[in-house]
Amino acid sequence: MTTTNFDDWLDDLTDDSTYNIYDLYMSIERVTSIGDFKCSEKNGKYFIQTPLNDSVLMLNGEKAKDAFLKQLDYNYGGDFGWVGGQYEFERSMGKDD
């Protein structure tokens, strides 16, 4: 099944840890496969697949892609307001320096 509903698709992810959300974000930004996420482009539409969700998310163009990335930043960016900032913070907190 394919969906365009950001919220439903995110709600159905079986693992929304910061590390997975970062992989999702980067796979969309770079239109590639990273971790459990694969983003592909066809005719200006973006398709995100993952074994962590039974549905495929379709982003209908650049505006939808940008809107979804902004939603990820808002939902998962923590105090940084950016998924990458939250990821780096959690990663650095987990180090044993």
Foldseek 3Di string as FASTA:
>chain_A
DEDQDLVVQVVQFQDDDLVVLVQQLVCLVVQAHGDQWHWHDDPQKIWIDGPRHPYIHIQRHDVSSVVSLQVSLVVQVPPNSHSVVNVVVVVVVPDDD
